[in-house]
Amino acid sequence: MLEAVFPRQYWILSAFFVDKVEGIAQKEWERRCDMNKTELTNLLAKKSGLTMKEAKAAINALFSTAPREGIIASEIAKGKRVQITGFGTFESRKRKQRQGRNPQTGAVITIPGGNFPAFVAGKSLKERIRK
């Protein structure tokens, strides 16, 4: 996908530069840059025939984390599960309170529990990835 946006030479040069300046490993940098929100929006517009504005609105309606905007985040925040058959399930899970240690002082501290988002891949997605 990056090749469509930037020439391959630029991409390799950028990866080398980032690796040397910031100390990020080449593979890690490539993993981070597979597809971002803008590229996903472009691909949605291309595959569905939507305009870029409509595609961006659709992506934001699903994935936005702003209050009362993103469908998935809003439902998870209410404690509901969002299940997309074949793709996977987004849900909220509870984490119990636990003990930890302050690494500087070694003192025992209590880490509060809370809710956190989770995703479980569906059967079809797992099968597709394994091939």
Protein backbone atom coordinates (compact mmCIF):
# COMPACT_ATOMS: atom_id res chain seq x y z
CA MET A 1 0.00 0.00 0.00
CA LEU A 2 2.87 2.38 0.74
CA GLU A 3 4.21 1.90 -2.77
CA ALA A 4 1.03 3.46 -4.17
CA VAL A 5 1.58 6.59 -2.08
CA PHE A 6 5.38 6.87 -2.09
CA PRO A 7 8.00 5.52 -4.48
CA ARG A 8 9.80 2.46 -3.09
CA GLN A 9 13.14 4.32 -2.92
CA TYR A 10 11.63 6.99 -0.65
CA TRP A 11 10.09 4.34 1.59
CA ILE A 12 13.39 2.44 1.99
CA LEU A 13 15.31 5.68 2.61
CA SER A 14 12.75 6.77 5.22
CA ALA A 15 12.94 3.39 6.95
CA PHE A 16 16.75 3.62 7.05
CA PHE A 17 16.61 7.17 8.40
CA VAL A 18 14.10 6.30 11.13
CA ASP A 19 16.12 3.21 12.07
CA LYS A 20 19.33 5.19 12.48
CA VAL A 21 17.92 8.32 14.14
CA GLU A 22 15.29 6.91 16.50
CA GLY A 23 16.73 3.45 17.05
CA ILE A 24 13.57 1.71 15.80
CA ALA A 25 14.27 -1.68 14.25
CA GLN A 26 13.49 -1.95 10.53
CA LYS A 27 10.92 -4.72 10.97
CA GLU A 28 9.16 -2.81 13.74
CA TRP A 29 8.93 0.31 11.57
CA GLU A 30 7.50 -1.71 8.66
CA ARG A 31 4.95 -3.36 10.98
CA ARG A 32 3.73 0.01 12.19
CA CYS A 33 3.27 1.36 8.67
CA ASP A 34 1.16 -1.38 7.09
CA MET A 35 -2.07 0.62 6.90
CA ASN A 36 -3.25 3.71 8.70
CA LYS A 37 -6.68 5.36 8.93
CA THR A 38 -6.16 7.50 5.82
CA GLU A 39 -5.12 4.50 3.73
CA LEU A 40 -8.10 2.53 5.04
CA THR A 41 -10.39 5.42 4.07
CA ASN A 42 -8.86 5.55 0.56
CA LEU A 43 -9.31 1.81 0.11
CA LEU A 44 -12.92 1.93 1.33
CA ALA A 45 -13.71 4.73 -1.10
CA LYS A 46 -12.08 2.85 -3.96
CA LYS A 47 -13.76 -0.52 -3.26
CA SER A 48 -17.23 0.78 -2.40
CA GLY A 49 -17.56 3.65 -4.86
CA LEU A 50 -18.09 6.17 -2.04
CA THR A 51 -16.59 9.63 -2.21
CA MET A 52 -13.64 10.30 0.08
CA LYS A 53 -15.85 12.45 2.31
CA GLU A 54 -18.44 9.66 2.65
CA ALA A 55 -15.76 7.03 3.27
CA LYS A 56 -14.15 9.17 5.96
CA ALA A 57 -17.54 9.67 7.63
CA ALA A 58 -18.17 5.90 7.57
CA ILE A 59 -14.77 5.10 9.08
CA ASN A 60 -15.24 7.75 11.77
CA ALA A 61 -18.76 6.51 12.54
CA LEU A 62 -17.35 3.06 13.26
CA PHE A 63 -13.97 3.68 14.83
CA SER A 64 -13.98 7.14 16.45
CA THR A 65 -13.22 7.15 20.16
CA ALA A 66 -14.78 10.57 20.76
CA PRO A 67 -17.82 10.45 23.06
CA ARG A 68 -21.08 9.63 21.23
CA GLU A 69 -19.38 9.37 17.83
CA GLY A 70 -17.84 5.94 17.26
CA ILE A 71 -20.33 3.08 17.22
CA ILE A 72 -17.89 0.40 18.40
CA ALA A 73 -16.34 2.47 21.22
CA SER A 74 -19.76 3.68 22.41
CA GLU A 75 -21.18 0.19 22.64
CA ILE A 76 -18.10 -1.20 24.38
CA ALA A 77 -18.22 1.69 26.88
CA LYS A 78 -21.82 0.68 27.71
CA GLY A 79 -20.60 -2.84 28.47
CA LYS A 80 -22.05 -4.37 25.30
CA ARG A 81 -20.29 -6.61 22.80
CA VAL A 82 -20.03 -5.78 19.11
CA GLN A 83 -19.95 -9.01 17.11
CA ILE A 84 -19.22 -9.01 13.39
CA THR A 85 -19.83 -12.57 12.26
CA GLY A 86 -16.74 -14.09 10.69
CA PHE A 87 -14.55 -11.10 11.53
CA GLY A 88 -14.56 -10.93 15.31
CA THR A 89 -15.97 -9.52 18.51
CA PHE A 90 -15.12 -6.28 20.28
CA GLU A 91 -15.84 -6.35 24.01
CA SER A 92 -14.96 -4.86 27.37
CA ARG A 93 -13.24 -7.00 29.97
CA LYS A 94 -12.67 -6.41 33.67
CA ARG A 95 -9.23 -6.52 35.21
CA LYS A 96 -8.97 -7.27 38.93
CA GLN A 97 -7.09 -5.13 41.40
CA ARG A 98 -3.57 -6.50 41.90
CA GLN A 99 -0.33 -5.90 43.73
CA GLY A 100 2.76 -4.51 42.05
CA ARG A 101 6.09 -2.99 42.97
CA ASN A 102 7.47 0.47 42.42
CA PRO A 103 10.66 -0.25 40.43
CA GLN A 104 12.53 2.70 41.94
CA THR A 105 11.77 2.09 45.59
CA GLY A 106 10.71 -1.57 45.64
CA ALA A 107 7.64 -0.61 47.68
CA VAL A 108 4.50 -2.70 47.23
CA ILE A 109 1.70 -0.75 45.56
CA THR A 110 -1.89 -1.56 44.69
CA ILE A 111 -2.73 -1.36 41.00
CA PRO A 112 -6.43 -0.60 40.65
CA GLY A 113 -8.63 -2.81 38.52
CA GLY A 114 -10.75 -1.53 35.70
CA ASN A 115 -12.23 -2.20 32.31
CA PHE A 116 -10.21 -2.55 29.13
CA PRO A 117 -11.15 -3.14 25.49
CA ALA A 118 -10.53 -6.53 23.90
CA PHE A 119 -10.92 -8.08 20.45
CA VAL A 120 -11.42 -11.77 19.71
CA ALA A 121 -10.87 -12.77 16.08
CA GLY A 122 -13.67 -14.76 14.44
CA LYS A 123 -13.28 -18.16 12.85
CA SER A 124 -13.23 -16.92 9.23
CA LEU A 125 -10.60 -14.27 10.01
CA LYS A 126 -8.42 -16.80 11.81
CA GLU A 127 -8.66 -19.23 8.88
CA ARG A 128 -7.80 -16.50 6.38
CA ILE A 129 -4.73 -15.40 8.33
CA ARG A 130 -3.47 -18.96 8.79
CA LYS A 131 -3.41 -19.66 5.03
